[in-house]
C-alpha atoms as a PDB file:
ATOM      1  CA  MET A   1     107.345  90.280 108.056  1.00  0.00           C
ATOM      2  CA  THR A   2     105.591  91.781 104.880  1.00  0.00           C
ATOM      3  CA  GLU A   3     106.336  88.700 103.078  1.00  0.00           C
ATOM      4  CA  ILE A   4     104.611  86.574 105.622  1.00  0.00           C
ATOM      5  CA  ILE A   5     101.544  88.772 105.401  1.00  0.00           C
ATOM      6  CA  PHE A   6     101.645  88.745 101.547  1.00  0.00           C
ATOM      7  CA  GLU A   7     101.681  84.932 101.544  1.00  0.00           C
ATOM      8  CA  LYS A   8      98.609  84.655 104.054  1.00  0.00           C
ATOM      9  CA  ILE A   9      96.665  87.103 102.009  1.00  0.00           C
ATOM     10  CA  ALA A  10      97.668  84.996  98.768  1.00  0.00           C
ATOM     11  CA  ALA A  11      96.429  82.148 100.539  1.00  0.00           C
ATOM     12  CA  LEU A  12      93.157  83.655 101.517  1.00  0.00           C
ATOM     13  CA  LEU A  13      92.612  84.744  98.087  1.00  0.00           C
ATOM     14  CA  SER A  14      93.470  81.763  96.529  1.00  0.00           C
ATOM     15  CA  SER A  15      91.162  79.440  98.664  1.00  0.00           C
ATOM     16  CA  LYS A  16      88.226  81.912  99.407  1.00  0.00           C
ATOM     17  CA  LYS A  17      87.967  83.194  95.795  1.00  0.00           C
ATOM     18  CA  GLU A  18      89.333  80.189  94.110  1.00  0.00           C
ATOM     19  CA  LEU A  19      92.129  82.241  92.471  1.00  0.00           C
ATOM     20  CA  ASN A  20      95.040  80.857  90.916  1.00  0.00           C
ATOM     21  CA  ARG A  21      97.865  81.543  93.559  1.00  0.00           C
ATOM     22  CA  GLU A  22     100.498  81.866  90.655  1.00  0.00           C
ATOM     23  CA  LEU A  23      98.493  84.720  89.382  1.00  0.00           C
ATOM     24  CA  ILE A  24      98.570  86.926  92.935  1.00  0.00           C
ATOM     25  CA  THR A  25     101.835  89.180  93.389  1.00  0.00           C
ATOM     26  CA  VAL A  26     102.619  92.158  95.358  1.00  0.00           C
ATOM     27  CA  GLU A  27     101.740  94.248  92.432  1.00  0.00           C
ATOM     28  CA  SER A  28      98.311  92.640  91.677  1.00  0.00           C
ATOM     29  CA  SER A  29      95.103  95.060  91.912  1.00  0.00           C
ATOM     30  CA  PHE A  30      91.812  93.993  93.236  1.00  0.00           C
ATOM     31  CA  GLU A  31      90.412  94.753  90.167  1.00  0.00           C
ATOM     32  CA  ALA A  32      92.760  92.632  88.150  1.00  0.00           C
ATOM     33  CA  LEU A  33      92.284  89.640  90.047  1.00  0.00           C
ATOM     34  CA  GLY A  34      88.481  90.467  89.382  1.00  0.00           C
ATOM     35  CA  LEU A  35      87.610  91.271  92.658  1.00  0.00           C
ATOM     36  CA  ASP A  36      84.638  93.872  92.953  1.00  0.00           C
ATOM     37  CA  SER A  37      84.010  96.413  95.706  1.00  0.00           C
ATOM     38  CA  LEU A  38      82.356  94.050  98.122  1.00  0.00           C
ATOM     39  CA  ASP A  39      84.951  91.259  97.378  1.00  0.00           C
ATOM     40  CA  SER A  40      87.625  93.783  98.496  1.00  0.00           C
ATOM     41  CA  ILE A  41      85.595  94.853 101.708  1.00  0.00           C
ATOM     42  CA  GLU A  42      85.314  91.316 102.550  1.00  0.00           C
ATOM     43  CA  LEU A  43      88.983  90.582 101.987  1.00  0.00           C
ATOM     44  CA  ILE A  44      90.004  93.239 104.073  1.00  0.00           C
ATOM     45  CA  ALA A  45      87.596  92.189 106.833  1.00  0.00           C
ATOM     46  CA  ASP A  46      88.788  89.017 106.665  1.00  0.00           C
ATOM     47  CA  LEU A  47      92.699  89.934 107.042  1.00  0.00           C
ATOM     48  CA  GLU A  48      91.606  91.988 109.961  1.00  0.00           C
ATOM     49  CA  ASP A  49      90.252  89.054 111.807  1.00  0.00           C
ATOM     50  CA  GLU A  50      93.332  87.018 110.582  1.00  0.00           C
ATOM     51  CA  PHE A  51      95.572  89.476 111.932  1.00  0.00           C
ATOM     52  CA  ASN A  52      93.504  90.747 114.671  1.00  0.00           C
ATOM     53  CA  VAL A  53      93.982  94.472 113.998  1.00  0.00           C
ATOM     54  CA  THR A  54      92.151  97.370 112.469  1.00  0.00           C
ATOM     55  CA  ILE A  55      93.233  98.961 109.227  1.00  0.00           C
ATOM     56  CA  PRO A  56      92.207 103.103 110.023  1.00  0.00           C
ATOM     57  CA  ASN A  57      89.299 104.114 107.396  1.00  0.00           C
ATOM     58  CA  ALA A  58      91.754 106.737 105.897  1.00  0.00           C
ATOM     59  CA  ASP A  59      94.212 103.855 105.241  1.00  0.00           C
ATOM     60  CA  LEU A  60      91.487 101.508 103.581  1.00  0.00           C
ATOM     61  CA  GLN A  61      90.444 104.262 101.198  1.00  0.00           C
ATOM     62  CA  ARG A  62      93.978 103.916  99.558  1.00  0.00           C
ATOM     63  CA  ILE A  63      94.335 100.112  99.292  1.00  0.00           C
ATOM     64  CA  LYS A  64      93.868  99.096  95.954  1.00  0.00           C
ATOM     65  CA  THR A  65      96.907  96.279  95.709  1.00  0.00           C
ATOM     66  CA  ILE A  66      97.836  92.837  97.565  1.00  0.00           C
ATOM     67  CA  GLY A  67     101.047  95.038  98.423  1.00  0.00           C
ATOM     68  CA  GLN A  68      98.998  97.988 100.117  1.00  0.00           C
ATOM     69  CA  ALA A  69      97.084  95.570 101.950  1.00  0.00           C
ATOM     70  CA  ALA A  70     100.136  93.797 103.231  1.00  0.00           C
ATOM     71  CA  GLU A  71     101.496  97.402 104.081  1.00  0.00           C
ATOM     72  CA  GLY A  72      98.166  98.321 105.806  1.00  0.00           C
ATOM     73  CA  ILE A  73      98.186  95.083 108.034  1.00  0.00           C
ATOM     74  CA  LYS A  74     101.754  95.725 108.852  1.00  0.00           C
ATOM     75  CA  ARG A  75     101.094  99.442 109.765  1.00  0.00           C
ATOM     76  CA  ALA A  76      98.250  98.451 111.932  1.00  0.00           C
ATOM     77  CA  MET A  77     100.338  95.627 113.638  1.00  0.00           C
ATOM     78  CA  ASP A  78     102.978  98.239 114.460  1.00  0.00           C
ATOM     79  CA  ALA A  79     100.389 100.567 116.062  1.00  0.00           C
END
């Protein structure tokens, strides 16, 4: 399931931020991809909408990479 989530995140970043899809990995940090704090917040909000979940604020503070975002979405879906 996390792989499916990762692929949706990568596709979203690729289209909305015009990032090269091949540069987006599970280990990619938002910062390394050139996202500022506002971009990161917008991405998480888009993901919450896409997956119809709410990530708890405590988890949001720890999300710094694409993999962590995928895990946060998965935890919210399982809750």
